[in-house]
Amino acid sequence: MIHLEYYLIVSAIMLFAGIYGFLTRRNTLAMLISIELILNATDINFAAFNRYLFPDGTEGHFFALFSIAISAAETAIAIAIMINIYRNIRSIQADRIEDLKW
């Protein structure tokens, strides 16, 4: 049986990789992927804590599935926004988005 600490270590690595990627990347698509890493880290925590605290319950798994559905909707909207930005300024770099202000 895998101990809870291993799930938490994997989740922490994913969380910090997502935070690092979000803060260092200038490409909006890479920033979106970093946000997805952060959300997947929380999904691992939902499932792991549910397994160890309530072995017969499925609430953590339902929270994780709900979070995955929200992530999919968020990704679809973000990609639509990126396509619209690319049509206007021919770049999806976060530095160039300020060109859309005025």
PDB file of N, CA and C in Angstrom:
ATOM      1  N   MET A   1       0.839  -1.180   0.000  1.00  0.00           N
ATOM      2  CA  MET A   1       0.000   0.000   0.000  1.00  0.00           C
ATOM      3  C   MET A   1       0.890   1.252   0.000  1.00  0.00           C
ATOM      4  N   ILE A   2       0.565   2.203  -0.800  1.00  0.00           N
ATOM      5  CA  ILE A   2       1.349   3.430  -0.921  1.00  0.00           C
ATOM      6  C   ILE A   2       0.946   4.383   0.203  1.00  0.00           C
ATOM      7  N   HIS A   3       1.938   4.952   0.859  1.00  0.00           N
ATOM      8  CA  HIS A   3       1.680   5.864   1.968  1.00  0.00           C
ATOM      9  C   HIS A   3       1.235   7.227   1.463  1.00  0.00           C
ATOM     10  N   LEU A   4       0.530   7.944   2.321  1.00  0.00           N
ATOM     11  CA  LEU A   4       0.000   9.259   1.981  1.00  0.00           C
ATOM     12  C   LEU A   4       1.115  10.247   1.647  1.00  0.00           C
ATOM     13  N   GLU A   5       2.258  10.094   2.289  1.00  0.00           N
ATOM     14  CA  GLU A   5       3.355  11.036   2.062  1.00  0.00           C
ATOM     15  C   GLU A   5       3.819  11.048   0.610  1.00  0.00           C
ATOM     16  N   TYR A   6       3.783   9.899  -0.045  1.00  0.00           N
ATOM     17  CA  TYR A   6       4.215   9.839  -1.446  1.00  0.00           C
ATOM     18  C   TYR A   6       3.276  10.629  -2.353  1.00  0.00           C
ATOM     19  N   TYR A   7       1.982  10.526  -2.083  1.00  0.00           N
ATOM     20  CA  TYR A   7       1.023  11.325  -2.856  1.00  0.00           C
ATOM     21  C   TYR A   7       1.251  12.817  -2.618  1.00  0.00           C
ATOM     22  N   LEU A   8       1.519  13.173  -1.373  1.00  0.00           N
ATOM     23  CA  LEU A   8       1.740  14.581  -1.052  1.00  0.00           C
ATOM     24  C   LEU A   8       3.029  15.110  -1.671  1.00  0.00           C
ATOM     25  N   ILE A   9       4.047  14.275  -1.749  1.00  0.00           N
ATOM     26  CA  ILE A   9       5.300  14.689  -2.382  1.00  0.00           C
ATOM     27  C   ILE A   9       5.092  14.933  -3.878  1.00  0.00           C
ATOM     28  N   VAL A  10       4.401  14.017  -4.539  1.00  0.00           N
ATOM     29  CA  VAL A  10       4.114  14.193  -5.971  1.00  0.00           C
ATOM     30  C   VAL A  10       3.260  15.432  -6.193  1.00  0.00           C
ATOM     31  N   SER A  11       2.274  15.630  -5.334  1.00  0.00           N
ATOM     32  CA  SER A  11       1.410  16.796  -5.449  1.00  0.00           C
ATOM     33  C   SER A  11       2.189  18.089  -5.229  1.00  0.00           C
ATOM     34  N   ALA A  12       3.091  18.100  -4.252  1.00  0.00           N
ATOM     35  CA  ALA A  12       3.882  19.301  -3.984  1.00  0.00           C
ATOM     36  C   ALA A  12       4.823  19.608  -5.150  1.00  0.00           C
ATOM     37  N   ILE A  13       5.410  18.579  -5.733  1.00  0.00           N
ATOM     38  CA  ILE A  13       6.283  18.791  -6.889  1.00  0.00           C
ATOM     39  C   ILE A  13       5.490  19.386  -8.056  1.00  0.00           C
ATOM     40  N   MET A  14       4.293  18.840  -8.294  1.00  0.00           N
ATOM     41  CA  MET A  14       3.457  19.378  -9.370  1.00  0.00           C
ATOM     42  C   MET A  14       3.038  20.816  -9.077  1.00  0.00           C
ATOM     43  N   LEU A  15       2.705  21.097  -7.822  1.00  0.00           N
ATOM     44  CA  LEU A  15       2.294  22.444  -7.452  1.00  0.00           C
ATOM     45  C   LEU A  15       3.424  23.444  -7.668  1.00  0.00           C
ATOM     46  N   PHE A  16       4.617  23.125  -7.195  1.00  0.00           N
ATOM     47  CA  PHE A  16       5.726  24.059  -7.340  1.00  0.00           C
ATOM     48  C   PHE A  16       6.186  24.174  -8.788  1.00  0.00           C
ATOM     49  N   ALA A  17       6.091  23.097  -9.558  1.00  0.00           N
ATOM     50  CA  ALA A  17       6.408  23.187 -10.983  1.00  0.00           C
ATOM     51  C   ALA A  17       5.406  24.095 -11.693  1.00  0.00           C
ATOM     52  N   GLY A  18       4.147  24.008 -11.318  1.00  0.00           N
ATOM     53  CA  GLY A  18       3.128  24.872 -11.901  1.00  0.00           C
ATOM     54  C   GLY A  18       3.324  26.328 -11.531  1.00  0.00           C
ATOM     55  N   ILE A  19       3.639  26.589 -10.275  1.00  0.00           N
ATOM     56  CA  ILE A  19       3.884  27.970  -9.846  1.00  0.00           C
ATOM     57  C   ILE A  19       5.115  28.538 -10.546  1.00  0.00           C
ATOM     58  N   TYR A  20       6.180  27.752 -10.599  1.00  0.00           N
ATOM     59  CA  TYR A  20       7.396  28.202 -11.277  1.00  0.00           C
ATOM     60  C   TYR A  20       7.125  28.470 -12.757  1.00  0.00           C
ATOM     61  N   GLY A  21       6.409  27.559 -13.412  1.00  0.00           N
ATOM     62  CA  GLY A  21       6.098  27.744 -14.819  1.00  0.00           C
ATOM     63  C   GLY A  21       5.237  28.963 -15.071  1.00  0.00           C
ATOM     64  N   PHE A  22       4.285  29.216 -14.182  1.00  0.00           N
ATOM     65  CA  PHE A  22       3.409  30.366 -14.361  1.00  0.00           C
ATOM     66  C   PHE A  22       4.169  31.677 -14.181  1.00  0.00           C
ATOM     67  N   LEU A  23       5.077  31.707 -13.228  1.00  0.00           N
ATOM     68  CA  LEU A  23       5.793  32.951 -12.955  1.00  0.00           C
ATOM     69  C   LEU A  23       6.925  33.229 -13.929  1.00  0.00           C
ATOM     70  N   THR A  24       7.468  32.213 -14.576  1.00  0.00           N
ATOM     71  CA  THR A  24       8.624  32.426 -15.448  1.00  0.00           C
ATOM     72  C   THR A  24       8.290  32.458 -16.932  1.00  0.00           C
ATOM     73  N   ARG A  25       7.189  31.931 -17.351  1.00  0.00           N
ATOM     74  CA  ARG A  25       6.852  31.888 -18.780  1.00  0.00           C
ATOM     75  C   ARG A  25       6.161  33.166 -19.214  1.00  0.00           C
ATOM     76  N   ARG A  26       6.373  33.522 -20.458  1.00  0.00           N
ATOM     77  CA  ARG A  26       5.702  34.680 -21.044  1.00  0.00           C
ATOM     78  C   ARG A  26       4.691  34.268 -22.106  1.00  0.00           C
ATOM     79  N   ASN A  27       4.694  33.016 -22.492  1.00  0.00           N
ATOM     80  CA  ASN A  27       3.746  32.505 -23.462  1.00  0.00           C
ATOM     81  C   ASN A  27       2.459  32.144 -22.719  1.00  0.00           C
ATOM     82  N   THR A  28       1.337  32.653 -23.180  1.00  0.00           N
ATOM     83  CA  THR A  28       0.087  32.418 -22.456  1.00  0.00           C
ATOM     84  C   THR A  28      -0.323  30.944 -22.473  1.00  0.00           C
ATOM     85  N   LEU A  29       0.040  30.208 -23.507  1.00  0.00           N
ATOM     86  CA  LEU A  29      -0.283  28.782 -23.538  1.00  0.00           C
ATOM     87  C   LEU A  29       0.523  28.023 -22.476  1.00  0.00           C
ATOM     88  N   ALA A  30       1.784  28.367 -22.307  1.00  0.00           N
ATOM     89  CA  ALA A  30       2.603  27.747 -21.261  1.00  0.00           C
ATOM     90  C   ALA A  30       2.081  28.122 -19.878  1.00  0.00           C
ATOM     91  N   MET A  31       1.576  29.339 -19.735  1.00  0.00           N
ATOM     92  CA  MET A  31       0.990  29.742 -18.461  1.00  0.00           C
ATOM     93  C   MET A  31      -0.279  28.942 -18.171  1.00  0.00           C
ATOM     94  N   LEU A  32      -1.064  28.668 -19.203  1.00  0.00           N
ATOM     95  CA  LEU A  32      -2.268  27.862 -19.042  1.00  0.00           C
ATOM     96  C   LEU A  32      -1.920  26.436 -18.625  1.00  0.00           C
ATOM     97  N   ILE A  33      -0.890  25.876 -19.216  1.00  0.00           N
ATOM     98  CA  ILE A  33      -0.465  24.525 -18.847  1.00  0.00           C
ATOM     99  C   ILE A  33       0.011  24.512 -17.396  1.00  0.00           C
ATOM    100  N   SER A  34       0.665  25.566 -16.959  1.00  0.00           N
ATOM    101  CA  SER A  34       1.113  25.653 -15.570  1.00  0.00           C
ATOM    102  C   SER A  34      -0.076  25.714 -14.610  1.00  0.00           C
ATOM    103  N   ILE A  35      -1.107  26.430 -14.977  1.00  0.00           N
ATOM    104  CA  ILE A  35      -2.310  26.472 -14.147  1.00  0.00           C
ATOM    105  C   ILE A  35      -2.951  25.091 -14.069  1.00  0.00           C
ATOM    106  N   GLU A  36      -2.934  24.363 -15.164  1.00  0.00           N
ATOM    107  CA  GLU A  36      -3.474  22.998 -15.153  1.00  0.00           C
ATOM    108  C   GLU A  36      -2.667  22.088 -14.236  1.00  0.00           C
ATOM    109  N   LEU A  37      -1.350  22.277 -14.192  1.00  0.00           N
ATOM    110  CA  LEU A  37      -0.529  21.507 -13.255  1.00  0.00           C
ATOM    111  C   LEU A  37      -0.931  21.786 -11.811  1.00  0.00           C
ATOM    112  N   ILE A  38      -1.183  23.033 -11.497  1.00  0.00           N
ATOM    113  CA  ILE A  38      -1.596  23.400 -10.142  1.00  0.00           C
ATOM    114  C   ILE A  38      -2.937  22.750  -9.807  1.00  0.00           C
ATOM    115  N   LEU A  39      -3.871  22.800 -10.734  1.00  0.00           N
ATOM    116  CA  LEU A  39      -5.183  22.195 -10.483  1.00  0.00           C
ATOM    117  C   LEU A  39      -5.093  20.677 -10.366  1.00  0.00           C
ATOM    118  N   ASN A  40      -4.220  20.046 -11.134  1.00  0.00           N
ATOM    119  CA  ASN A  40      -4.047  18.595 -11.018  1.00  0.00           C
ATOM    120  C   ASN A  40      -3.412  18.216  -9.688  1.00  0.00           C
ATOM    121  N   ALA A  41      -2.558  19.070  -9.158  1.00  0.00           N
ATOM    122  CA  ALA A  41      -1.987  18.815  -7.833  1.00  0.00           C
ATOM    123  C   ALA A  41      -3.078  18.808  -6.769  1.00  0.00           C
ATOM    124  N   THR A  42      -4.038  19.720  -6.889  1.00  0.00           N
ATOM    125  CA  THR A  42      -5.142  19.715  -5.927  1.00  0.00           C
ATOM    126  C   THR A  42      -6.025  18.488  -6.096  1.00  0.00           C
ATOM    127  N   ASP A  43      -6.199  18.026  -7.324  1.00  0.00           N
ATOM    128  CA  ASP A  43      -6.990  16.811  -7.555  1.00  0.00           C
ATOM    129  C   ASP A  43      -6.349  15.589  -6.906  1.00  0.00           C
ATOM    130  N   ILE A  44      -5.025  15.516  -6.972  1.00  0.00           N
ATOM    131  CA  ILE A  44      -4.320  14.410  -6.309  1.00  0.00           C
ATOM    132  C   ILE A  44      -4.552  14.481  -4.808  1.00  0.00           C
ATOM    133  N   ASN A  45      -4.521  15.684  -4.248  1.00  0.00           N
ATOM    134  CA  ASN A  45      -4.767  15.825  -2.816  1.00  0.00           C
ATOM    135  C   ASN A  45      -6.182  15.418  -2.441  1.00  0.00           C
ATOM    136  N   PHE A  46      -7.173  15.809  -3.248  1.00  0.00           N
ATOM    137  CA  PHE A  46      -8.552  15.400  -2.983  1.00  0.00           C
ATOM    138  C   PHE A  46      -8.664  13.885  -2.918  1.00  0.00           C
ATOM    139  N   ALA A  47      -8.142  13.225  -3.919  1.00  0.00           N
ATOM    140  CA  ALA A  47      -8.267  11.764  -3.984  1.00  0.00           C
ATOM    141  C   ALA A  47      -7.456  11.076  -2.890  1.00  0.00           C
ATOM    142  N   ALA A  48      -6.262  11.561  -2.605  1.00  0.00           N
ATOM    143  CA  ALA A  48      -5.408  10.920  -1.598  1.00  0.00           C
ATOM    144  C   ALA A  48      -5.988  11.065  -0.202  1.00  0.00           C
ATOM    145  N   PHE A  49      -6.414  12.268   0.149  1.00  0.00           N
ATOM    146  CA  PHE A  49      -6.979  12.446   1.485  1.00  0.00           C
ATOM    147  C   PHE A  49      -8.298  11.701   1.641  1.00  0.00           C
ATOM    148  N   ASN A  50      -9.080  11.628   0.586  1.00  0.00           N
ATOM    149  CA  ASN A  50     -10.312  10.852   0.661  1.00  0.00           C
ATOM    150  C   ASN A  50     -10.006   9.374   0.893  1.00  0.00           C
ATOM    151  N   ARG A  51      -9.000   8.869   0.230  1.00  0.00           N
ATOM    152  CA  ARG A  51      -8.633   7.444   0.358  1.00  0.00           C
ATOM    153  C   ARG A  51      -8.162   7.111   1.760  1.00  0.00           C
ATOM    154  N   TYR A  52      -7.415   8.017   2.369  1.00  0.00           N
ATOM    155  CA  TYR A  52      -6.842   7.721   3.677  1.00  0.00           C
ATOM    156  C   TYR A  52      -7.749   8.125   4.842  1.00  0.00           C
ATOM    157  N   LEU A  53      -8.558   9.155   4.689  1.00  0.00           N
ATOM    158  CA  LEU A  53      -9.431   9.566   5.781  1.00  0.00           C
ATOM    159  C   LEU A  53     -10.763   8.832   5.775  1.00  0.00           C
ATOM    160  N   PHE A  54     -11.314   8.627   4.590  1.00  0.00           N
ATOM    161  CA  PHE A  54     -12.616   7.963   4.451  1.00  0.00           C
ATOM    162  C   PHE A  54     -12.506   6.886   3.369  1.00  0.00           C
ATOM    163  N   PRO A  55     -11.987   5.710   3.696  1.00  0.00           N
ATOM    164  CA  PRO A  55     -11.734   4.687   2.671  1.00  0.00           C
ATOM    165  C   PRO A  55     -12.982   4.232   1.918  1.00  0.00           C
ATOM    166  N   ASP A  56     -14.141   4.275   2.562  1.00  0.00           N
ATOM    167  CA  ASP A  56     -15.361   3.827   1.887  1.00  0.00           C
ATOM    168  C   ASP A  56     -16.091   4.953   1.161  1.00  0.00           C
ATOM    169  N   GLY A  57     -15.699   6.197   1.408  1.00  0.00           N
ATOM    170  CA  GLY A  57     -16.376   7.338   0.798  1.00  0.00           C
ATOM    171  C   GLY A  57     -15.820   7.671  -0.574  1.00  0.00           C
ATOM    172  N   THR A  58     -16.609   8.392  -1.316  1.00  0.00           N
ATOM    173  CA  THR A  58     -16.187   8.796  -2.665  1.00  0.00           C
ATOM    174  C   THR A  58     -16.256  10.314  -2.864  1.00  0.00           C
ATOM    175  N   GLU A  59     -16.382  11.066  -1.766  1.00  0.00           N
ATOM    176  CA  GLU A  59     -16.530  12.512  -1.900  1.00  0.00           C
ATOM    177  C   GLU A  59     -15.302  13.159  -2.526  1.00  0.00           C
ATOM    178  N   GLY A  60     -14.117  12.720  -2.129  1.00  0.00           N
ATOM    179  CA  GLY A  60     -12.895  13.285  -2.690  1.00  0.00           C
ATOM    180  C   GLY A  60     -12.771  13.038  -4.175  1.00  0.00           C
ATOM    181  N   HIS A  61     -13.220  11.875  -4.612  1.00  0.00           N
ATOM    182  CA  HIS A  61     -13.170  11.564  -6.040  1.00  0.00           C
ATOM    183  C   HIS A  61     -14.167  12.425  -6.820  1.00  0.00           C
ATOM    184  N   PHE A  62     -15.324  12.674  -6.225  1.00  0.00           N
ATOM    185  CA  PHE A  62     -16.291  13.537  -6.894  1.00  0.00           C
ATOM    186  C   PHE A  62     -15.794  14.983  -6.959  1.00  0.00           C
ATOM    187  N   PHE A  63     -15.130  15.442  -5.878  1.00  0.00           N
ATOM    188  CA  PHE A  63     -14.525  16.766  -5.924  1.00  0.00           C
ATOM    189  C   PHE A  63     -13.474  16.840  -7.027  1.00  0.00           C
ATOM    190  N   ALA A  64     -12.675  15.801  -7.153  1.00  0.00           N
ATOM    191  CA  ALA A  64     -11.644  15.777  -8.195  1.00  0.00           C
ATOM    192  C   ALA A  64     -12.276  15.786  -9.586  1.00  0.00           C
ATOM    193  N   LEU A  65     -13.328  15.002  -9.790  1.00  0.00           N
ATOM    194  CA  LEU A  65     -14.008  15.002 -11.091  1.00  0.00           C
ATOM    195  C   LEU A  65     -14.645  16.357 -11.390  1.00  0.00           C
ATOM    196  N   PHE A  66     -15.228  16.974 -10.380  1.00  0.00           N
ATOM    197  CA  PHE A  66     -15.806  18.306 -10.564  1.00  0.00           C
ATOM    198  C   PHE A  66     -14.716  19.311 -10.921  1.00  0.00           C
ATOM    199  N   SER A  67     -13.576  19.205 -10.256  1.00  0.00           N
ATOM    200  CA  SER A  67     -12.457  20.096 -10.549  1.00  0.00           C
ATOM    201  C   SER A  67     -11.930  19.876 -11.963  1.00  0.00           C
ATOM    202  N   ILE A  68     -11.886  18.645 -12.411  1.00  0.00           N
ATOM    203  CA  ILE A  68     -11.444  18.354 -13.782  1.00  0.00           C
ATOM    204  C   ILE A  68     -12.410  18.952 -14.793  1.00  0.00           C
ATOM    205  N   ALA A  69     -13.720  18.877 -14.508  1.00  0.00           N
ATOM    206  CA  ALA A  69     -14.711  19.470 -15.412  1.00  0.00           C
ATOM    207  C   ALA A  69     -14.564  20.986 -15.463  1.00  0.00           C
ATOM    208  N   ILE A  70     -14.338  21.610 -14.311  1.00  0.00           N
ATOM    209  CA  ILE A  70     -14.119  23.060 -14.279  1.00  0.00           C
ATOM    210  C   ILE A  70     -12.838  23.420 -15.030  1.00  0.00           C
ATOM    211  N   SER A  71     -11.805  22.608 -14.877  1.00  0.00           N
ATOM    212  CA  SER A  71     -10.539  22.852 -15.585  1.00  0.00           C
ATOM    213  C   SER A  71     -10.725  22.760 -17.093  1.00  0.00           C
ATOM    214  N   ALA A  72     -11.520  21.808 -17.543  1.00  0.00           N
ATOM    215  CA  ALA A  72     -11.768  21.665 -18.982  1.00  0.00           C
ATOM    216  C   ALA A  72     -12.505  22.885 -19.528  1.00  0.00           C
ATOM    217  N   ALA A  73     -13.495  23.368 -18.796  1.00  0.00           N
ATOM    218  CA  ALA A  73     -14.228  24.563 -19.229  1.00  0.00           C
ATOM    219  C   ALA A  73     -13.317  25.786 -19.227  1.00  0.00           C
ATOM    220  N   GLU A  74     -12.488  25.904 -18.201  1.00  0.00           N
ATOM    221  CA  GLU A  74     -11.557  27.025 -18.118  1.00  0.00           C
ATOM    222  C   GLU A  74     -10.555  26.991 -19.260  1.00  0.00           C
ATOM    223  N   THR A  75     -10.087  25.812 -19.611  1.00  0.00           N
ATOM    224  CA  THR A  75      -9.134  25.672 -20.709  1.00  0.00           C
ATOM    225  C   THR A  75      -9.768  26.039 -22.037  1.00  0.00           C
ATOM    226  N   ALA A  76     -10.991  25.617 -22.257  1.00  0.00           N
ATOM    227  CA  ALA A  76     -11.674  25.955 -23.510  1.00  0.00           C
ATOM    228  C   ALA A  76     -11.853  27.466 -23.648  1.00  0.00           C
ATOM    229  N   ILE A  77     -12.237  28.122 -22.570  1.00  0.00           N
ATOM    230  CA  ILE A  77     -12.416  29.575 -22.614  1.00  0.00           C
ATOM    231  C   ILE A  77     -11.076  30.274 -22.810  1.00  0.00           C
ATOM    232  N   ALA A  78     -10.040  29.808 -22.119  1.00  0.00           N
ATOM    233  CA  ALA A  78      -8.721  30.431 -22.245  1.00  0.00           C
ATOM    234  C   ALA A  78      -8.161  30.276 -23.651  1.00  0.00           C
ATOM    235  N   ILE A  79      -8.347  29.121 -24.257  1.00  0.00           N
ATOM    236  CA  ILE A  79      -7.864  28.927 -25.626  1.00  0.00           C
ATOM    237  C   ILE A  79      -8.639  29.803 -26.601  1.00  0.00           C
ATOM    238  N   ALA A  80      -9.935  29.971 -26.375  1.00  0.00           N
ATOM    239  CA  ALA A  80     -10.717  30.872 -27.226  1.00  0.00           C
ATOM    240  C   ALA A  80     -10.218  32.309 -27.096  1.00  0.00           C
ATOM    241  N   ILE A  81      -9.884  32.723 -25.893  1.00  0.00           N
ATOM    242  CA  ILE A  81      -9.339  34.069 -25.690  1.00  0.00           C
ATOM    243  C   ILE A  81      -7.982  34.196 -26.369  1.00  0.00           C
ATOM    244  N   MET A  82      -7.145  33.155 -26.268  1.00  0.00           N
ATOM    245  CA  MET A  82      -5.835  33.199 -26.917  1.00  0.00           C
ATOM    246  C   MET A  82      -5.957  33.284 -28.433  1.00  0.00           C
ATOM    247  N   ILE A  83      -6.908  32.574 -29.002  1.00  0.00           N
ATOM    248  CA  ILE A  83      -7.120  32.645 -30.454  1.00  0.00           C
ATOM    249  C   ILE A  83      -7.536  34.054 -30.855  1.00  0.00           C
ATOM    250  N   ASN A  84      -8.403  34.675 -30.058  1.00  0.00           N
ATOM    251  CA  ASN A  84      -8.845  36.036 -30.354  1.00  0.00           C
ATOM    252  C   ASN A  84      -7.685  37.030 -30.221  1.00  0.00           C
ATOM    253  N   ILE A  85      -6.848  36.854 -29.218  1.00  0.00           N
ATOM    254  CA  ILE A  85      -5.674  37.726 -29.066  1.00  0.00           C
ATOM    255  C   ILE A  85      -4.724  37.533 -30.244  1.00  0.00           C
ATOM    256  N   TYR A  86      -4.515  36.294 -30.656  1.00  0.00           N
ATOM    257  CA  TYR A  86      -3.617  36.031 -31.783  1.00  0.00           C
ATOM    258  C   TYR A  86      -4.137  36.671 -33.068  1.00  0.00           C
ATOM    259  N   ARG A  87      -5.444  36.669 -33.259  1.00  0.00           N
ATOM    260  CA  ARG A  87      -6.010  37.303 -34.446  1.00  0.00           C
ATOM    261  C   ARG A  87      -5.767  38.801 -34.466  1.00  0.00           C
ATOM    262  N   ASN A  88      -5.746  39.429 -33.290  1.00  0.00           N
ATOM    263  CA  ASN A  88      -5.591  40.881 -33.227  1.00  0.00           C
ATOM    264  C   ASN A  88      -4.131  41.334 -33.290  1.00  0.00           C
ATOM    265  N   ILE A  89      -3.239  40.671 -32.571  1.00  0.00           N
ATOM    266  CA  ILE A  89      -1.858  41.171 -32.511  1.00  0.00           C
ATOM    267  C   ILE A  89      -0.825  40.167 -33.004  1.00  0.00           C
ATOM    268  N   ARG A  90      -1.242  39.022 -33.512  1.00  0.00           N
ATOM    269  CA  ARG A  90      -0.358  38.015 -34.101  1.00  0.00           C
ATOM    270  C   ARG A  90       0.699  37.484 -33.134  1.00  0.00           C
ATOM    271  N   SER A  91       0.370  37.448 -31.857  1.00  0.00           N
ATOM    272  CA  SER A  91       1.286  36.908 -30.855  1.00  0.00           C
ATOM    273  C   SER A  91       0.478  36.522 -29.623  1.00  0.00           C
ATOM    274  N   ILE A  92       0.928  35.478 -28.927  1.00  0.00           N
ATOM    275  CA  ILE A  92       0.267  35.120 -27.673  1.00  0.00           C
ATOM    276  C   ILE A  92       1.216  35.296 -26.491  1.00  0.00           C
ATOM    277  N   GLN A  93       2.215  36.141 -26.672  1.00  0.00           N
ATOM    278  CA  GLN A  93       3.128  36.459 -25.586  1.00  0.00           C
ATOM    279  C   GLN A  93       2.431  37.389 -24.598  1.00  0.00           C
ATOM    280  N   ALA A  94       2.618  37.139 -23.317  1.00  0.00           N
ATOM    281  CA  ALA A  94       1.941  37.944 -22.292  1.00  0.00           C
ATOM    282  C   ALA A  94       2.410  39.392 -22.310  1.00  0.00           C
ATOM    283  N   ASP A  95       3.637  39.638 -22.740  1.00  0.00           N
ATOM    284  CA  ASP A  95       4.146  41.008 -22.800  1.00  0.00           C
ATOM    285  C   ASP A  95       3.429  41.845 -23.853  1.00  0.00           C
ATOM    286  N   ARG A  96       2.985  41.224 -24.900  1.00  0.00           N
ATOM    287  CA  ARG A  96       2.352  41.951 -26.008  1.00  0.00           C
ATOM    288  C   ARG A  96       0.873  42.220 -25.779  1.00  0.00           C
ATOM    289  N   ILE A  97       0.283  41.621 -24.762  1.00  0.00           N
ATOM    290  CA  ILE A  97      -1.154  41.787 -24.533  1.00  0.00           C
ATOM    291  C   ILE A  97      -1.487  43.220 -24.137  1.00  0.00           C
ATOM    292  N   GLU A  98      -0.519  43.947 -23.607  1.00  0.00           N
ATOM    293  CA  GLU A  98      -0.752  45.351 -23.270  1.00  0.00           C
ATOM    294  C   GLU A  98      -1.080  46.183 -24.504  1.00  0.00           C
ATOM    295  N   ASP A  99      -0.741  45.692 -25.700  1.00  0.00           N
ATOM    296  CA  ASP A  99      -1.054  46.403 -26.933  1.00  0.00           C
ATOM    297  C   ASP A  99      -2.565  46.481 -27.172  1.00  0.00           C
ATOM    298  N   LEU A 100      -3.331  45.632 -26.520  1.00  0.00           N
ATOM    299  CA  LEU A 100      -4.769  45.625 -26.717  1.00  0.00           C
ATOM    300  C   LEU A 100      -5.492  46.669 -25.870  1.00  0.00           C
ATOM    301  N   LYS A 101      -4.766  47.364 -24.993  1.00  0.00           N
ATOM    302  CA  LYS A 101      -5.400  48.319 -24.092  1.00  0.00           C
ATOM    303  C   LYS A 101      -6.126  49.408 -24.847  1.00  0.00           C
ATOM    304  N   TRP A 102      -5.457  50.072 -25.741  1.00  0.00           N
ATOM    305  CA  TRP A 102      -6.057  51.213 -26.421  1.00  0.00           C
ATOM    306  C   TRP A 102      -6.078  51.009 -27.883  1.00  0.00           C
TER     307      TRP A 102
END
